[in-house]
C-alpha cells in the first residue's frame, strides 16, 4: 500500500480544528511531512548531491535549494519552497520537541495554511519542468 503526500495535508487540516493540544501538534507534524514529501516528488534527481552524513530532511531541503540556485525551470518557486520548508521544519520541531511551549490555534492555522500554499509551489515546479522537457 502506498500513501500520497496529500493525505498528510488532509490529516493536518482535519486535526487543526481540535481543542486538544496533541492533535494540534500532530497537525503541524503532518503539514510539514506533506510539504517534505511533495517537495521530494517534484525535485529532479540531479539536484540531490552526495551529502554523506546529512539527514534525509536536510538532504531534500538542500536539493530544493540547489534547484532554486540553478538556471533551470522552476527555480523561482523552488527558492520559495525551500524557505517554506525550513520554516515548516522549525514549526515541526516546536510541535514535536518543545512540549512545554503552548501552541496557539493561530500558530497551528498559519502552519497548515503555509503547507497548503506549498502545494502551489510544487505544482508550479512540476509543470515548469514538464513543459521545458527537462528530465528528472
C-alpha atoms as a PDB file:
ATOM      1  CA  UNK A   1       0.000   0.000   0.000  1.00  0.00           C
ATOM      2  CA  UNK A   2       1.297   3.473  -0.823  1.00  0.00           C
ATOM      3  CA  UNK A   3       0.260   6.851   0.505  1.00  0.00           C
ATOM      4  CA  UNK A   4       0.017  10.062  -1.472  1.00  0.00           C
ATOM      5  CA  UNK A   5       1.547  13.123   0.247  1.00  0.00           C
ATOM      6  CA  UNK A   6      -1.779  14.967   0.049  1.00  0.00           C
ATOM      7  CA  UNK A   7      -3.143  12.548   2.666  1.00  0.00           C
ATOM      8  CA  UNK A   8      -0.745  14.116   5.207  1.00  0.00           C
ATOM      9  CA  UNK A   9      -2.242  17.522   4.420  1.00  0.00           C
ATOM     10  CA  UNK A  10      -5.787  16.182   4.716  1.00  0.00           C
ATOM     11  CA  UNK A  11      -4.983  14.849   8.183  1.00  0.00           C
ATOM     12  CA  UNK A  12      -3.372  18.170   9.161  1.00  0.00           C
ATOM     13  CA  UNK A  13      -6.454  20.075   8.051  1.00  0.00           C
ATOM     14  CA  UNK A  14      -8.760  17.744   9.968  1.00  0.00           C
ATOM     15  CA  UNK A  15      -6.694  17.958  13.166  1.00  0.00           C
ATOM     16  CA  UNK A  16      -6.129  21.730  13.138  1.00  0.00           C
ATOM     17  CA  UNK A  17      -9.655  22.385  14.426  1.00  0.00           C
ATOM     18  CA  UNK A  18      -9.167  20.283  17.547  1.00  0.00           C
ATOM     19  CA  UNK A  19      -9.078  21.740  21.031  1.00  0.00           C
ATOM     20  CA  UNK A  20      -6.632  19.089  22.228  1.00  0.00           C
ATOM     21  CA  UNK A  21      -3.001  20.111  22.055  1.00  0.00           C
ATOM     22  CA  UNK A  22      -1.709  16.710  20.977  1.00  0.00           C
ATOM     23  CA  UNK A  23      -3.902  16.894  17.866  1.00  0.00           C
ATOM     24  CA  UNK A  24      -2.729  20.438  17.149  1.00  0.00           C
ATOM     25  CA  UNK A  25       0.883  19.290  17.430  1.00  0.00           C
ATOM     26  CA  UNK A  26       0.144  16.367  15.129  1.00  0.00           C
ATOM     27  CA  UNK A  27      -1.480  18.745  12.613  1.00  0.00           C
ATOM     28  CA  UNK A  28       1.788  20.693  12.415  1.00  0.00           C
ATOM     29  CA  UNK A  29       3.788  17.488  12.064  1.00  0.00           C
ATOM     30  CA  UNK A  30       1.602  16.197   9.244  1.00  0.00           C
ATOM     31  CA  UNK A  31       1.630  19.582   7.466  1.00  0.00           C
ATOM     32  CA  UNK A  32       5.426  19.556   7.449  1.00  0.00           C
ATOM     33  CA  UNK A  33       5.616  15.993   6.181  1.00  0.00           C
ATOM     34  CA  UNK A  34       3.167  16.799   3.390  1.00  0.00           C
ATOM     35  CA  UNK A  35       5.499  19.540   2.177  1.00  0.00           C
ATOM     36  CA  UNK A  36       8.640  17.453   2.607  1.00  0.00           C
ATOM     37  CA  UNK A  37       7.259  14.508   0.623  1.00  0.00           C
ATOM     38  CA  UNK A  38       5.701  16.704  -2.053  1.00  0.00           C
ATOM     39  CA  UNK A  39       8.969  18.635  -2.452  1.00  0.00           C
ATOM     40  CA  UNK A  40      10.808  15.328  -2.828  1.00  0.00           C
ATOM     41  CA  UNK A  41       8.432  14.291  -5.598  1.00  0.00           C
ATOM     42  CA  UNK A  42       8.957  17.405  -7.723  1.00  0.00           C
ATOM     43  CA  UNK A  43      12.689  17.929  -7.251  1.00  0.00           C
ATOM     44  CA  UNK A  44      14.764  16.457 -10.074  1.00  0.00           C
ATOM     45  CA  UNK A  45      17.135  13.678  -9.061  1.00  0.00           C
ATOM     46  CA  UNK A  46      20.165  15.542 -10.315  1.00  0.00           C
ATOM     47  CA  UNK A  47      19.591  18.195  -7.628  1.00  0.00           C
ATOM     48  CA  UNK A  48      20.340  15.645  -4.927  1.00  0.00           C
ATOM     49  CA  UNK A  49      24.027  15.699  -4.165  1.00  0.00           C
ATOM     50  CA  UNK A  50      26.134  13.123  -2.451  1.00  0.00           C
ATOM     51  CA  UNK A  51      25.789  14.504   1.059  1.00  0.00           C
ATOM     52  CA  UNK A  52      27.311  11.944   3.428  1.00  0.00           C
ATOM     53  CA  UNK A  53      26.092  12.194   6.969  1.00  0.00           C
ATOM     54  CA  UNK A  54      23.281  14.587   6.095  1.00  0.00           C
ATOM     55  CA  UNK A  55      19.845  13.686   7.354  1.00  0.00           C
ATOM     56  CA  UNK A  56      17.127  12.869   4.862  1.00  0.00           C
ATOM     57  CA  UNK A  57      15.135  16.012   5.645  1.00  0.00           C
ATOM     58  CA  UNK A  58      18.091  18.338   5.163  1.00  0.00           C
ATOM     59  CA  UNK A  59      19.009  16.444   2.008  1.00  0.00           C
ATOM     60  CA  UNK A  60      15.605  17.220   0.468  1.00  0.00           C
ATOM     61  CA  UNK A  61      15.767  20.864   1.510  1.00  0.00           C
ATOM     62  CA  UNK A  62      19.276  21.238   0.087  1.00  0.00           C
ATOM     63  CA  UNK A  63      18.151  19.641  -3.180  1.00  0.00           C
ATOM     64  CA  UNK A  64      15.295  22.135  -3.440  1.00  0.00           C
ATOM     65  CA  UNK A  65      17.778  24.932  -2.718  1.00  0.00           C
ATOM     66  CA  UNK A  66      20.045  23.611  -5.489  1.00  0.00           C
ATOM     67  CA  UNK A  67      17.129  23.733  -7.898  1.00  0.00           C
ATOM     68  CA  UNK A  68      16.436  27.283  -6.750  1.00  0.00           C
ATOM     69  CA  UNK A  69      20.037  28.273  -7.427  1.00  0.00           C
ATOM     70  CA  UNK A  70      20.215  26.617 -10.837  1.00  0.00           C
ATOM     71  CA  UNK A  71      19.412  28.265 -14.150  1.00  0.00           C
ATOM     72  CA  UNK A  72      16.535  25.989 -14.962  1.00  0.00           C
ATOM     73  CA  UNK A  73      12.742  25.849 -14.916  1.00  0.00           C
ATOM     74  CA  UNK A  74      11.111  26.049 -11.512  1.00  0.00           C
ATOM     75  CA  UNK A  75      13.952  27.906  -9.818  1.00  0.00           C
ATOM     76  CA  UNK A  76      11.898  30.853  -8.508  1.00  0.00           C
ATOM     77  CA  UNK A  77       9.276  28.602  -6.973  1.00  0.00           C
ATOM     78  CA  UNK A  78      11.995  26.287  -5.648  1.00  0.00           C
ATOM     79  CA  UNK A  79      13.506  29.202  -3.721  1.00  0.00           C
ATOM     80  CA  UNK A  80      10.097  29.898  -2.175  1.00  0.00           C
ATOM     81  CA  UNK A  81       9.606  26.209  -1.437  1.00  0.00           C
ATOM     82  CA  UNK A  82      12.999  25.893   0.255  1.00  0.00           C
ATOM     83  CA  UNK A  83      12.255  28.865   2.545  1.00  0.00           C
ATOM     84  CA  UNK A  84       8.844  27.422   3.369  1.00  0.00           C
ATOM     85  CA  UNK A  85      10.339  24.004   4.110  1.00  0.00           C
ATOM     86  CA  UNK A  86      12.815  25.469   6.577  1.00  0.00           C
ATOM     87  CA  UNK A  87      10.084  27.436   8.374  1.00  0.00           C
ATOM     88  CA  UNK A  88       7.775  24.436   8.456  1.00  0.00           C
ATOM     89  CA  UNK A  89      10.574  22.239   9.781  1.00  0.00           C
ATOM     90  CA  UNK A  90      11.167  24.748  12.581  1.00  0.00           C
ATOM     91  CA  UNK A  91       7.457  24.663  13.433  1.00  0.00           C
ATOM     92  CA  UNK A  92       7.508  20.861  13.397  1.00  0.00           C
ATOM     93  CA  UNK A  93      10.447  20.851  15.808  1.00  0.00           C
ATOM     94  CA  UNK A  94       8.496  23.058  18.205  1.00  0.00           C
ATOM     95  CA  UNK A  95       5.432  20.833  17.900  1.00  0.00           C
ATOM     96  CA  UNK A  96       7.367  17.602  18.351  1.00  0.00           C
ATOM     97  CA  UNK A  97      10.027  18.572  20.887  1.00  0.00           C
ATOM     98  CA  UNK A  98       9.126  21.763  22.775  1.00  0.00           C
ATOM     99  CA  UNK A  99       6.315  20.215  24.729  1.00  0.00           C
ATOM    100  CA  UNK A 100       6.437  22.881  27.433  1.00  0.00           C
ATOM    101  CA  UNK A 101       5.631  25.590  24.861  1.00  0.00           C
ATOM    102  CA  UNK A 102       1.897  26.125  24.431  1.00  0.00           C
ATOM    103  CA  UNK A 103       0.717  26.289  20.847  1.00  0.00           C
ATOM    104  CA  UNK A 104      -1.852  28.866  19.844  1.00  0.00           C
ATOM    105  CA  UNK A 105      -4.572  27.914  17.415  1.00  0.00           C
ATOM    106  CA  UNK A 106      -3.445  30.854  15.252  1.00  0.00           C
ATOM    107  CA  UNK A 107       0.046  29.344  15.028  1.00  0.00           C
ATOM    108  CA  UNK A 108      -1.363  25.960  14.021  1.00  0.00           C
ATOM    109  CA  UNK A 109      -3.683  27.563  11.447  1.00  0.00           C
ATOM    110  CA  UNK A 110      -0.757  29.502   9.990  1.00  0.00           C
ATOM    111  CA  UNK A 111       1.445  26.401   9.692  1.00  0.00           C
ATOM    112  CA  UNK A 112      -1.261  24.347   7.983  1.00  0.00           C
ATOM    113  CA  UNK A 113      -2.090  27.227   5.637  1.00  0.00           C
ATOM    114  CA  UNK A 114       1.585  27.690   4.732  1.00  0.00           C
ATOM    115  CA  UNK A 115       1.869  23.972   3.993  1.00  0.00           C
ATOM    116  CA  UNK A 116      -1.217  24.176   1.820  1.00  0.00           C
ATOM    117  CA  UNK A 117       0.359  27.048  -0.125  1.00  0.00           C
ATOM    118  CA  UNK A 118       3.444  24.947  -0.809  1.00  0.00           C
ATOM    119  CA  UNK A 119       1.252  22.696  -2.933  1.00  0.00           C
ATOM    120  CA  UNK A 120       1.039  25.573  -5.425  1.00  0.00           C
ATOM    121  CA  UNK A 121       4.834  25.921  -5.409  1.00  0.00           C
ATOM    122  CA  UNK A 122       5.266  22.201  -6.018  1.00  0.00           C
ATOM    123  CA  UNK A 123       2.648  22.090  -8.765  1.00  0.00           C
ATOM    124  CA  UNK A 124       4.291  25.058 -10.483  1.00  0.00           C
ATOM    125  CA  UNK A 125       7.734  23.441 -10.273  1.00  0.00           C
ATOM    126  CA  UNK A 126       6.438  20.175 -11.722  1.00  0.00           C
ATOM    127  CA  UNK A 127       4.571  21.998 -14.503  1.00  0.00           C
ATOM    128  CA  UNK A 128       7.551  24.190 -15.421  1.00  0.00           C
ATOM    129  CA  UNK A 129       9.923  21.246 -15.522  1.00  0.00           C
ATOM    130  CA  UNK A 130       7.495  19.180 -17.593  1.00  0.00           C
ATOM    131  CA  UNK A 131       6.836  21.996 -20.061  1.00  0.00           C
ATOM    132  CA  UNK A 132      10.562  22.568 -20.581  1.00  0.00           C
ATOM    133  CA  UNK A 133      11.119  18.935 -21.450  1.00  0.00           C
ATOM    134  CA  UNK A 134      13.721  18.682 -18.662  1.00  0.00           C
ATOM    135  CA  UNK A 135      14.400  15.216 -17.439  1.00  0.00           C
ATOM    136  CA  UNK A 136      14.409  14.312 -13.767  1.00  0.00           C
END
